[in-house]
Amino acid sequence: MSSGTRLRILRLLLQGEKDVTRVAKHLGGTEANASAQIKILQESGLVECRYEPGQHGLKKLSRTKVRRIIIEL
């Protein structure tokens, strides 16, 4: 969790499943960056993704695999 962006994504996804476009808008960044950050979260086992048909091909939907995150400093 060395990235504040990834923490923000996790907080957003705790509210429910979101597509990459919605995550990017929430972050105020690009879809490419949001997708890259989601991929890191997915590889760490905190997020799971699935694809479904969208208006222009497939859209990637992500959700957390956890209900609660505790960070000790």
C-alpha atoms as a PDB file:
ATOM      1  CA  MET A   1       0.000   0.000   0.000  1.00  0.00           C
ATOM      2  CA  SER A   2       2.834   2.349  -0.852  1.00  0.00           C
ATOM      3  CA  SER A   3       0.492   4.356  -3.063  1.00  0.00           C
ATOM      4  CA  GLY A   4      -2.196   6.743  -1.874  1.00  0.00           C
ATOM      5  CA  THR A   5      -3.925   6.197  -5.213  1.00  0.00           C
ATOM      6  CA  ARG A   6      -4.324   2.483  -4.559  1.00  0.00           C
ATOM      7  CA  LEU A   7      -5.721   3.199  -1.114  1.00  0.00           C
ATOM      8  CA  ARG A   8      -8.267   5.584  -2.637  1.00  0.00           C
ATOM      9  CA  ILE A   9      -9.241   2.914  -5.173  1.00  0.00           C
ATOM     10  CA  LEU A  10      -9.760   0.369  -2.402  1.00  0.00           C
ATOM     11  CA  ARG A  11     -11.936   2.798  -0.460  1.00  0.00           C
ATOM     12  CA  LEU A  12     -14.019   3.413  -3.582  1.00  0.00           C
ATOM     13  CA  LEU A  13     -14.370  -0.285  -4.358  1.00  0.00           C
ATOM     14  CA  LEU A  14     -15.445  -1.029  -0.780  1.00  0.00           C
ATOM     15  CA  GLN A  15     -18.648   0.834  -1.739  1.00  0.00           C
ATOM     16  CA  GLY A  16     -19.287  -1.647  -4.560  1.00  0.00           C
ATOM     17  CA  GLU A  17     -18.124  -2.879  -7.941  1.00  0.00           C
ATOM     18  CA  LYS A  18     -16.932  -0.160 -10.338  1.00  0.00           C
ATOM     19  CA  ASP A  19     -15.641  -0.042 -13.884  1.00  0.00           C
ATOM     20  CA  VAL A  20     -12.276   1.496 -14.773  1.00  0.00           C
ATOM     21  CA  THR A  21     -13.903   4.615 -16.251  1.00  0.00           C
ATOM     22  CA  ARG A  22     -15.707   5.375 -12.995  1.00  0.00           C
ATOM     23  CA  VAL A  23     -12.543   4.751 -10.959  1.00  0.00           C
ATOM     24  CA  ALA A  24     -10.562   7.108 -13.205  1.00  0.00           C
ATOM     25  CA  LYS A  25     -13.198   9.844 -12.896  1.00  0.00           C
ATOM     26  CA  HIS A  26     -13.223   9.494  -9.118  1.00  0.00           C
ATOM     27  CA  LEU A  27      -9.433   9.826  -9.036  1.00  0.00           C
ATOM     28  CA  GLY A  28      -9.368  12.675 -11.545  1.00  0.00           C
ATOM     29  CA  GLY A  29      -6.871  10.740 -13.677  1.00  0.00           C
ATOM     30  CA  THR A  30      -6.665   8.635 -16.796  1.00  0.00           C
ATOM     31  CA  GLU A  31      -8.206   5.241 -17.403  1.00  0.00           C
ATOM     32  CA  ALA A  32      -4.739   3.885 -18.210  1.00  0.00           C
ATOM     33  CA  ASN A  33      -3.427   4.886 -14.778  1.00  0.00           C
ATOM     34  CA  ALA A  34      -6.521   3.579 -12.989  1.00  0.00           C
ATOM     35  CA  SER A  35      -6.231   0.281 -14.851  1.00  0.00           C
ATOM     36  CA  ALA A  36      -2.532  -0.038 -13.970  1.00  0.00           C
ATOM     37  CA  GLN A  37      -3.233   0.612 -10.284  1.00  0.00           C
ATOM     38  CA  ILE A  38      -6.125  -1.870 -10.282  1.00  0.00           C
ATOM     39  CA  LYS A  39      -3.847  -4.477 -11.849  1.00  0.00           C
ATOM     40  CA  ILE A  40      -1.364  -4.052  -8.976  1.00  0.00           C
ATOM     41  CA  LEU A  41      -4.202  -4.455  -6.464  1.00  0.00           C
ATOM     42  CA  GLN A  42      -5.415  -7.527  -8.338  1.00  0.00           C
ATOM     43  CA  GLU A  43      -1.947  -9.093  -8.322  1.00  0.00           C
ATOM     44  CA  SER A  44      -1.710  -8.463  -4.575  1.00  0.00           C
ATOM     45  CA  GLY A  45      -4.963 -10.368  -4.003  1.00  0.00           C
ATOM     46  CA  LEU A  46      -6.953  -7.382  -2.709  1.00  0.00           C
ATOM     47  CA  VAL A  47      -9.122  -6.878  -5.812  1.00  0.00           C
ATOM     48  CA  GLU A  48     -10.804  -9.193  -8.289  1.00  0.00           C
ATOM     49  CA  CYS A  49     -11.851  -8.231 -11.800  1.00  0.00           C
ATOM     50  CA  ARG A  50     -14.248  -9.484 -14.430  1.00  0.00           C
ATOM     51  CA  TYR A  51     -15.195  -8.369 -17.913  1.00  0.00           C
ATOM     52  CA  GLU A  52     -18.602  -7.738 -19.414  1.00  0.00           C
ATOM     53  CA  PRO A  53     -19.802  -6.317 -22.719  1.00  0.00           C
ATOM     54  CA  GLY A  54     -19.781  -2.531 -22.885  1.00  0.00           C
ATOM     55  CA  GLN A  55     -20.682   0.081 -25.487  1.00  0.00           C
ATOM     56  CA  HIS A  56     -17.301  -0.203 -27.218  1.00  0.00           C
ATOM     57  CA  GLY A  57     -16.138  -3.759 -26.541  1.00  0.00           C
ATOM     58  CA  LEU A  58     -15.465  -5.179 -23.099  1.00  0.00           C
ATOM     59  CA  LYS A  59     -15.393  -3.202 -19.880  1.00  0.00           C
ATOM     60  CA  LYS A  60     -13.400  -4.232 -16.841  1.00  0.00           C
ATOM     61  CA  LEU A  61     -15.276  -4.300 -13.539  1.00  0.00           C
ATOM     62  CA  SER A  62     -13.418  -4.479 -10.246  1.00  0.00           C
ATOM     63  CA  ARG A  63     -14.403  -5.167  -6.676  1.00  0.00           C
ATOM     64  CA  THR A  64     -12.559  -5.770  -3.443  1.00  0.00           C
ATOM     65  CA  LYS A  65     -11.925  -9.275  -2.174  1.00  0.00           C
ATOM     66  CA  VAL A  66     -11.869  -7.918   1.381  1.00  0.00           C
ATOM     67  CA  ARG A  67     -14.468  -6.160   3.506  1.00  0.00           C
ATOM     68  CA  ARG A  68     -12.132  -4.293   5.786  1.00  0.00           C
ATOM     69  CA  ILE A  69      -8.569  -3.047   5.604  1.00  0.00           C
ATOM     70  CA  ILE A  70      -6.519  -2.288   8.700  1.00  0.00           C
ATOM     71  CA  ILE A  71      -3.302  -0.351   8.281  1.00  0.00           C
ATOM     72  CA  GLU A  72      -0.968  -0.174  11.244  1.00  0.00           C
ATOM     73  CA  LEU A  73       1.669   2.522  11.257  1.00  0.00           C
END
